[in-house]
């Protein structure tokens, strides 16, 4: 059972992101096939905008340029350390 919790702990961010995306698609599916009462239309449209915003934020984080930018920033800091004479730690 410990292996399950270790695997879960390592992948919890991905699991949450996948859950958010799937729930967002389920919400959109429900909007397409279930009628919305006119009295609740504004509330449903507001909540759908919020849900879509969260789904887009998750997708932008995982597939957008933020990951690439963090990799570039890390590489730049390594270059700056080498120029300053600070050797990065080595493994081995």
N, C-alpha and C. Protein backbone atom coordinates (compact mmCIF):
# COMPACT_ATOMS: atom_id res chain seq x y z
N UNK A 1 0.82 -1.19 0.00
CA UNK A 1 0.00 0.00 0.00
C UNK A 1 0.87 1.26 0.00
N UNK A 2 2.06 1.14 0.53
CA UNK A 2 2.95 2.29 0.59
C UNK A 2 3.37 2.74 -0.81
N UNK A 3 3.54 1.81 -1.73
CA UNK A 3 3.91 2.16 -3.10
C UNK A 3 2.82 3.01 -3.74
N UNK A 4 1.55 2.68 -3.45
CA UNK A 4 0.44 3.45 -4.00
C UNK A 4 0.51 4.89 -3.53
N UNK A 5 0.72 5.09 -2.23
CA UNK A 5 0.77 6.44 -1.69
C UNK A 5 1.99 7.21 -2.18
N UNK A 6 3.11 6.52 -2.36
CA UNK A 6 4.29 7.18 -2.91
C UNK A 6 4.04 7.63 -4.35
N UNK A 7 3.43 6.78 -5.14
CA UNK A 7 3.11 7.12 -6.52
C UNK A 7 2.08 8.24 -6.57
N UNK A 8 1.09 8.19 -5.70
CA UNK A 8 0.08 9.23 -5.63
C UNK A 8 0.70 10.57 -5.24
N UNK A 9 1.59 10.56 -4.26
CA UNK A 9 2.22 11.80 -3.80
C UNK A 9 3.09 12.42 -4.89
N UNK A 10 3.73 11.61 -5.70
CA UNK A 10 4.57 12.14 -6.76
C UNK A 10 3.75 12.72 -7.90
N UNK A 11 2.53 12.22 -8.10
CA UNK A 11 1.72 12.61 -9.25
C UNK A 11 0.46 13.37 -8.87
N UNK A 12 0.38 13.91 -7.67
CA UNK A 12 -0.85 14.55 -7.23
C UNK A 12 -1.19 15.77 -8.07
N UNK A 13 -0.21 16.55 -8.50
CA UNK A 13 -0.50 17.72 -9.33
C UNK A 13 -1.09 17.31 -10.68
N UNK A 14 -0.55 16.28 -11.26
CA UNK A 14 -1.08 15.80 -12.54
C UNK A 14 -2.48 15.22 -12.39
N UNK A 15 -2.72 14.53 -11.29
CA UNK A 15 -4.04 13.95 -11.05
C UNK A 15 -5.07 15.06 -10.86
N UNK A 16 -4.73 16.09 -10.11
CA UNK A 16 -5.64 17.21 -9.92
C UNK A 16 -5.90 17.92 -11.24
N UNK A 17 -4.86 18.14 -12.02
CA UNK A 17 -5.03 18.82 -13.31
C UNK A 17 -5.91 18.00 -14.25
N UNK A 18 -5.68 16.72 -14.31
CA UNK A 18 -6.50 15.85 -15.16
C UNK A 18 -7.95 15.84 -14.69
N UNK A 19 -8.15 15.82 -13.38
CA UNK A 19 -9.51 15.86 -12.84
C UNK A 19 -10.22 17.16 -13.20
N UNK A 20 -9.51 18.28 -13.10
CA UNK A 20 -10.10 19.57 -13.44
C UNK A 20 -10.50 19.60 -14.90
N UNK A 21 -9.65 19.11 -15.77
CA UNK A 21 -9.96 19.11 -17.20
C UNK A 21 -11.15 18.20 -17.50
N UNK A 22 -11.17 17.01 -16.92
CA UNK A 22 -12.29 16.10 -17.16
C UNK A 22 -13.60 16.66 -16.62
N UNK A 23 -13.56 17.27 -15.43
CA UNK A 23 -14.78 17.86 -14.88
C UNK A 23 -15.24 19.06 -15.71
N UNK A 24 -14.30 19.80 -16.26
CA UNK A 24 -14.65 20.91 -17.15
C UNK A 24 -15.36 20.41 -18.40
N UNK A 25 -14.85 19.34 -18.99
CA UNK A 25 -15.52 18.77 -20.16
C UNK A 25 -16.89 18.19 -19.79
N UNK A 26 -17.00 17.59 -18.62
CA UNK A 26 -18.29 17.07 -18.17
C UNK A 26 -19.29 18.21 -17.98
N UNK A 27 -18.83 19.33 -17.46
CA UNK A 27 -19.68 20.50 -17.29
C UNK A 27 -20.16 21.02 -18.64
N UNK A 28 -19.25 21.10 -19.60
CA UNK A 28 -19.64 21.56 -20.94
C UNK A 28 -20.62 20.58 -21.59
N UNK A 29 -20.39 19.30 -21.41
CA UNK A 29 -21.29 18.29 -21.93
C UNK A 29 -22.69 18.46 -21.34
N UNK A 30 -22.74 18.71 -20.03
CA UNK A 30 -24.03 18.91 -19.37
C UNK A 30 -24.71 20.17 -19.91
N UNK A 31 -23.94 21.22 -20.19
CA UNK A 31 -24.54 22.44 -20.73
C UNK A 31 -25.13 22.21 -22.11
N UNK A 32 -24.52 21.34 -22.88
CA UNK A 32 -25.01 21.09 -24.23
C UNK A 32 -26.31 20.29 -24.26
N UNK A 33 -26.48 19.36 -23.34
CA UNK A 33 -27.58 18.41 -23.44
C UNK A 33 -28.68 18.58 -22.40
N UNK A 34 -28.50 19.44 -21.43
CA UNK A 34 -29.55 19.65 -20.43
C UNK A 34 -30.05 21.09 -20.53
N UNK A 35 -31.37 21.27 -20.53
CA UNK A 35 -31.91 22.63 -20.64
C UNK A 35 -31.66 23.44 -19.37
N UNK A 36 -31.40 24.72 -19.55
CA UNK A 36 -31.15 25.62 -18.43
C UNK A 36 -32.41 26.45 -18.22
N UNK A 37 -32.96 26.46 -17.01
CA UNK A 37 -34.12 27.32 -16.75
C UNK A 37 -33.73 28.79 -16.94
N UNK A 38 -34.65 29.58 -17.45
CA UNK A 38 -34.35 30.99 -17.73
C UNK A 38 -33.98 31.75 -16.46
N UNK A 39 -34.54 31.36 -15.33
CA UNK A 39 -34.22 32.07 -14.09
C UNK A 39 -32.79 31.82 -13.64
N UNK A 40 -32.17 30.73 -14.06
CA UNK A 40 -30.81 30.39 -13.66
C UNK A 40 -29.78 30.61 -14.77
N UNK A 41 -30.21 31.14 -15.88
CA UNK A 41 -29.33 31.24 -17.04
C UNK A 41 -28.09 32.09 -16.75
N UNK A 42 -28.26 33.23 -16.09
CA UNK A 42 -27.11 34.10 -15.81
C UNK A 42 -26.11 33.43 -14.87
N UNK A 43 -26.61 32.74 -13.84
CA UNK A 43 -25.72 32.06 -12.90
C UNK A 43 -24.95 30.93 -13.58
N UNK A 44 -25.62 30.21 -14.45
CA UNK A 44 -24.96 29.10 -15.16
C UNK A 44 -23.91 29.65 -16.13
N UNK A 45 -24.22 30.73 -16.82
CA UNK A 45 -23.25 31.31 -17.74
C UNK A 45 -22.03 31.86 -16.99
N UNK A 46 -22.25 32.46 -15.83
CA UNK A 46 -21.13 32.94 -15.02
C UNK A 46 -20.26 31.78 -14.54
N UNK A 47 -20.91 30.73 -14.05
CA UNK A 47 -20.14 29.58 -13.57
C UNK A 47 -19.43 28.87 -14.71
N UNK A 48 -20.03 28.85 -15.91
CA UNK A 48 -19.35 28.22 -17.04
C UNK A 48 -18.11 29.01 -17.44
N UNK A 49 -18.16 30.31 -17.34
CA UNK A 49 -16.97 31.12 -17.61
C UNK A 49 -15.86 30.85 -16.62
N UNK A 50 -16.22 30.69 -15.36
CA UNK A 50 -15.23 30.39 -14.33
C UNK A 50 -14.61 29.02 -14.56
N UNK A 51 -15.45 28.03 -14.85
CA UNK A 51 -14.96 26.66 -15.08
C UNK A 51 -14.04 26.64 -16.30
N UNK A 52 -14.44 27.29 -17.37
CA UNK A 52 -13.60 27.32 -18.57
C UNK A 52 -12.29 28.06 -18.30
N UNK A 53 -12.33 29.10 -17.49
CA UNK A 53 -11.11 29.81 -17.14
C UNK A 53 -10.13 28.93 -16.38
N UNK A 54 -10.65 28.12 -15.47
CA UNK A 54 -9.78 27.21 -14.71
C UNK A 54 -9.21 26.14 -15.63
N UNK A 55 -10.02 25.60 -16.53
CA UNK A 55 -9.54 24.57 -17.46
C UNK A 55 -8.46 25.15 -18.37
N UNK A 56 -8.67 26.35 -18.85
CA UNK A 56 -7.67 26.99 -19.72
C UNK A 56 -6.38 27.26 -18.95
N UNK A 57 -6.50 27.65 -17.68
CA UNK A 57 -5.30 27.89 -16.86
C UNK A 57 -4.50 26.61 -16.67
N UNK A 58 -5.19 25.52 -16.41
CA UNK A 58 -4.50 24.23 -16.24
C UNK A 58 -3.82 23.82 -17.54
N UNK A 59 -4.54 23.95 -18.65
CA UNK A 59 -3.95 23.58 -19.95
C UNK A 59 -2.78 24.48 -20.29
N UNK A 60 -2.88 25.76 -19.99
CA UNK A 60 -1.79 26.68 -20.28
C UNK A 60 -0.55 26.36 -19.44
N UNK A 61 -0.78 25.93 -18.20
CA UNK A 61 0.37 25.58 -17.35
C UNK A 61 1.09 24.35 -17.89
N UNK A 62 0.33 23.32 -18.25
CA UNK A 62 0.95 22.08 -18.67
C UNK A 62 1.42 22.08 -20.12
N UNK A 63 0.75 22.83 -20.98
CA UNK A 63 1.11 22.81 -22.40
C UNK A 63 1.61 24.15 -22.90
N UNK A 64 1.59 25.17 -22.07
CA UNK A 64 2.00 26.51 -22.49
C UNK A 64 3.48 26.73 -22.38
N UNK A 65 3.85 27.97 -22.42
CA UNK A 65 5.26 28.33 -22.44
C UNK A 65 5.86 28.49 -21.05
N UNK A 66 5.08 28.37 -19.99
CA UNK A 66 5.63 28.58 -18.66
C UNK A 66 6.68 27.53 -18.32
N UNK A 67 6.48 26.29 -18.71
CA UNK A 67 7.47 25.25 -18.43
C UNK A 67 8.74 25.51 -19.22
N UNK A 68 8.61 25.88 -20.49
CA UNK A 68 9.78 26.17 -21.30
C UNK A 68 10.54 27.37 -20.74
N UNK A 69 9.82 28.37 -20.28
CA UNK A 69 10.46 29.55 -19.72
C UNK A 69 11.22 29.21 -18.44
N UNK A 70 10.66 28.36 -17.60
CA UNK A 70 11.35 27.99 -16.37
C UNK A 70 12.62 27.20 -16.70
N UNK A 71 12.59 26.37 -17.73
CA UNK A 71 13.79 25.64 -18.14
C UNK A 71 14.85 26.60 -18.66
N UNK A 72 14.44 27.62 -19.41
CA UNK A 72 15.39 28.61 -19.93
C UNK A 72 15.97 29.42 -18.78
N UNK A 73 15.13 29.81 -17.81
CA UNK A 73 15.63 30.57 -16.66
C UNK A 73 16.64 29.75 -15.86
N UNK A 74 16.38 28.47 -15.71
CA UNK A 74 17.31 27.60 -14.98
C UNK A 74 18.65 27.51 -15.71
N UNK A 75 18.59 27.36 -17.03
CA UNK A 75 19.82 27.27 -17.82
C UNK A 75 20.58 28.60 -17.76
N UNK A 76 19.85 29.71 -17.81
CA UNK A 76 20.51 31.01 -17.72
C UNK A 76 21.20 31.21 -16.37
N UNK A 77 20.56 30.74 -15.29
CA UNK A 77 21.19 30.89 -13.98
C UNK A 77 22.45 30.03 -13.88
N UNK A 78 22.45 28.86 -14.52
CA UNK A 78 23.65 28.02 -14.54
C UNK A 78 24.79 28.74 -15.28
N UNK A 79 24.46 29.39 -16.39
CA UNK A 79 25.47 30.13 -17.16
C UNK A 79 26.00 31.29 -16.35
N UNK A 80 25.10 32.01 -15.65
CA UNK A 80 25.53 33.13 -14.82
C UNK A 80 26.44 32.67 -13.69
N UNK A 81 26.14 31.51 -13.10
CA UNK A 81 26.99 30.98 -12.03
C UNK A 81 28.37 30.63 -12.56
N UNK A 82 28.43 30.06 -13.78
CA UNK A 82 29.73 29.72 -14.35
C UNK A 82 30.54 30.97 -14.65
N UNK A 83 29.88 32.02 -15.13
CA UNK A 83 30.58 33.28 -15.40
C UNK A 83 31.10 33.90 -14.11
N UNK A 84 30.35 33.75 -13.01
CA UNK A 84 30.76 34.33 -11.75
C UNK A 84 31.81 33.47 -11.04
N UNK A 85 32.09 32.31 -11.58
CA UNK A 85 33.09 31.46 -10.97
C UNK A 85 32.53 30.49 -9.94
N UNK A 86 31.22 30.40 -9.87
CA UNK A 86 30.59 29.48 -8.92
C UNK A 86 30.31 28.19 -9.67
N UNK A 87 30.93 27.12 -9.24
CA UNK A 87 30.72 25.83 -9.89
C UNK A 87 29.44 25.19 -9.35
N UNK A 88 28.56 24.76 -10.26
CA UNK A 88 27.35 24.06 -9.78
C UNK A 88 27.74 22.71 -9.22
N UNK A 89 26.94 22.20 -8.28
CA UNK A 89 27.27 20.89 -7.70
C UNK A 89 27.21 19.79 -8.76
N UNK A 90 28.12 18.85 -8.63
CA UNK A 90 28.15 17.73 -9.56
C UNK A 90 27.79 16.45 -8.82
N UNK A 91 27.23 15.54 -9.55
CA UNK A 91 26.86 14.25 -8.97
C UNK A 91 27.94 13.25 -9.33
N UNK A 92 28.41 12.54 -8.34
CA UNK A 92 29.38 11.52 -8.69
C UNK A 92 30.52 11.53 -7.84
